[in-house]
Protein backbone atom coordinates (compact mmCIF):
# COMPACT_ATOMS: atom_id res chain seq x y z
CA MET A 1 149.33 -44.58 147.13
CA LEU A 2 150.99 -41.45 148.58
CA LYS A 3 152.71 -40.89 145.24
CA LEU A 4 149.34 -40.97 143.44
CA LEU A 5 147.76 -38.61 146.00
CA LYS A 6 150.60 -36.14 145.44
CA LEU A 7 150.11 -36.44 141.67
CA LYS A 8 146.36 -35.80 142.09
CA LYS A 9 147.10 -32.67 144.14
CA LYS A 10 149.55 -31.44 141.50
CA ILE A 11 147.03 -32.00 138.67
CA LYS A 12 144.18 -30.28 140.54
CA ARG A 13 146.43 -27.31 141.37
CA LYS A 14 147.03 -26.71 137.64
CA LYS A 15 143.36 -27.19 136.67
CA PRO A 16 141.70 -23.89 135.73
CA ASP A 17 138.42 -22.80 137.30
CA TYR A 18 135.75 -23.51 134.72
CA LEU A 19 133.25 -20.68 134.90
CA ARG A 20 129.63 -20.57 133.84
CA PRO A 21 129.06 -18.69 130.57
CA TYR A 22 128.11 -15.02 131.00
CA TRP A 23 128.01 -15.22 134.81
CA TRP A 24 129.32 -11.66 134.85
CA THR A 25 126.27 -10.25 133.02
CA LYS A 26 123.45 -11.58 135.24
CA ILE A 27 123.28 -10.90 138.98
CA LYS A 28 121.37 -14.13 139.71
CA LEU A 29 124.29 -16.18 138.32
CA ARG A 30 126.96 -14.48 140.45
CA ASN A 31 126.59 -16.96 143.32
CA ARG A 32 126.63 -19.89 140.87
CA ILE A 33 129.85 -19.09 139.04
CA ASP A 34 131.20 -22.61 139.46
CA SER A 35 128.08 -24.41 138.20
CA TRP A 36 129.39 -25.28 134.74
CA ARG A 37 127.05 -25.14 131.75
CA LYS A 38 128.24 -25.80 128.23
CA PRO A 39 127.88 -22.71 126.01
CA LYS A 40 125.62 -23.60 123.06
CA GLY A 41 124.73 -20.33 121.36
CA ILE A 42 125.64 -19.64 117.74
CA HIS A 43 127.47 -16.39 118.51
CA ASN A 44 128.74 -17.40 121.93
CA LYS A 45 132.28 -16.04 122.33
CA MET A 46 133.18 -18.63 124.93
CA ARG A 47 132.17 -21.53 122.66
CA GLN A 48 134.17 -19.98 119.82
CA LYS A 49 137.20 -19.79 122.18
CA PHE A 50 137.74 -16.05 121.79
CA LYS A 51 140.79 -14.59 123.45
CA GLY A 52 140.05 -13.13 126.90
CA LYS A 53 136.98 -15.31 127.51
CA PRO A 54 136.84 -18.12 130.12
CA THR A 55 138.14 -21.52 129.04
CA LEU A 56 135.96 -24.49 128.14
CA VAL A 57 136.12 -27.77 130.02
CA GLU A 58 138.90 -29.97 128.66
CA THR A 59 140.11 -33.48 129.29
CA GLY A 60 143.47 -34.14 130.88
CA TYR A 61 142.82 -32.83 134.39
CA GLY A 62 141.42 -36.07 135.80
CA SER A 63 142.88 -37.85 138.81
CA PRO A 64 144.61 -41.23 138.60
CA ARG A 65 142.00 -44.01 138.70
CA LYS A 66 143.18 -45.51 142.02
CA VAL A 67 142.81 -42.24 143.94
CA LYS A 68 139.75 -40.85 142.17
CA GLY A 69 137.17 -39.78 144.73
CA LEU A 70 139.57 -40.07 147.68
CA LEU A 71 140.22 -37.27 150.15
CA PRO A 72 143.74 -35.83 150.58
CA ASN A 73 144.40 -38.21 153.49
CA GLY A 74 143.74 -41.21 151.20
CA LYS A 75 140.40 -42.23 152.71
CA ARG A 76 137.02 -42.50 150.98
CA PRO A 77 134.24 -40.13 152.17
CA VAL A 78 130.99 -41.69 153.42
CA LEU A 79 127.86 -39.59 153.95
CA VAL A 80 126.28 -40.24 157.35
CA TYR A 81 122.64 -39.45 158.18
CA ASN A 82 122.28 -41.31 161.49
CA VAL A 83 124.12 -43.45 164.04
CA GLU A 84 123.36 -46.70 162.14
CA ASP A 85 125.15 -45.31 159.06
CA LEU A 86 128.12 -44.42 161.26
CA VAL A 87 128.47 -47.99 162.55
CA LYS A 88 128.93 -49.22 158.94
CA VAL A 89 131.97 -46.93 158.39
CA ASP A 90 135.36 -48.69 158.26
CA LYS A 91 137.67 -46.41 160.27
CA ASN A 92 140.82 -47.58 158.46
CA LYS A 93 139.61 -46.90 154.90
CA GLU A 94 136.73 -44.40 155.22
CA VAL A 95 135.94 -41.00 156.74
CA ALA A 96 132.46 -39.93 157.87
CA ILE A 97 130.86 -36.76 156.55
CA ILE A 98 127.74 -35.70 158.45
CA SER A 99 124.95 -34.71 156.06
CA SER A 100 123.93 -31.05 156.03
CA THR A 101 120.29 -32.08 156.54
CA VAL A 102 121.00 -33.66 159.94
CA GLY A 103 119.66 -31.62 162.88
CA ARG A 104 121.40 -30.64 166.10
CA ARG A 105 120.26 -33.55 168.29
CA LYS A 106 121.24 -36.27 165.81
CA ARG A 107 124.46 -34.43 165.01
CA ILE A 108 125.48 -34.57 168.69
CA GLN A 109 124.62 -38.28 168.85
CA ILE A 110 126.66 -39.00 165.71
CA ILE A 111 129.69 -37.06 167.00
CA GLN A 112 129.60 -38.82 170.39
CA LYS A 113 129.32 -42.26 168.76
CA ALA A 114 132.16 -41.42 166.35
CA MET A 115 134.40 -40.47 169.27
CA GLU A 116 133.58 -43.79 170.97
CA LEU A 117 134.34 -45.80 167.81
CA GLY A 118 137.39 -43.70 166.86
CA ILE A 119 135.97 -42.69 163.48
CA GLU A 120 137.20 -39.46 161.89
CA ILE A 121 134.55 -36.89 160.91
CA TRP A 122 135.69 -34.78 157.97
CA ASN A 123 133.33 -31.82 158.36
CA LEU A 124 133.60 -31.38 162.13
CA THR A 125 133.77 -27.72 163.18
CA ASN A 126 134.43 -25.82 166.40
CA LYS A 127 130.70 -25.06 166.56
CA ASP A 128 129.99 -28.80 166.67
CA LEU A 129 132.43 -29.25 169.55
CA GLU A 130 130.69 -26.41 171.42
CA LEU A 131 127.37 -28.23 170.96
CA LEU A 132 128.83 -31.23 172.78
CA LYS A 133 129.60 -29.30 175.99
CA PRO A 134 125.97 -28.47 176.94
CA ALA A 135 124.94 -32.04 176.08
CA GLU A 136 127.54 -33.44 178.48
CA GLU A 137 126.41 -31.01 181.21
CA LYS A 138 122.76 -32.13 180.81
CA ILE A 139 123.80 -35.76 181.13
CA LYS A 140 125.72 -34.97 184.34
CA GLN A 141 122.70 -33.09 185.78
CA GLN A 142 120.40 -36.06 185.16
CA TYR A 143 122.56 -38.41 187.24
């Protein structure tokens, strides 16, 4: 498994960044450079593979089947929206990722429950840990 994860990392390191056609000509596309669209125009220089133009998407940069979709630590990511979703996560094989649509209150609840269950949260930041401190202080004030 570790051998395959290392191979995946090596393949992805060599993979070129596939850029959206003509992102450099339109300001509204500048923040969406990575959103690949196949060039389809008749005179499109990128489609014709002109020298100096960005490369087209090619096969051969895929990960080995057994590690496809896994994170670098070898665990599968699971999107978590609430505490019930977190309980379903297998801590040996999966890692929780808190959804970006989750608000502050639920986020704190999810983080606290994950710490109790020993589940790793992949997108945990220092800001999230700072949110926990006031919540703990409020709990202490209530009792």
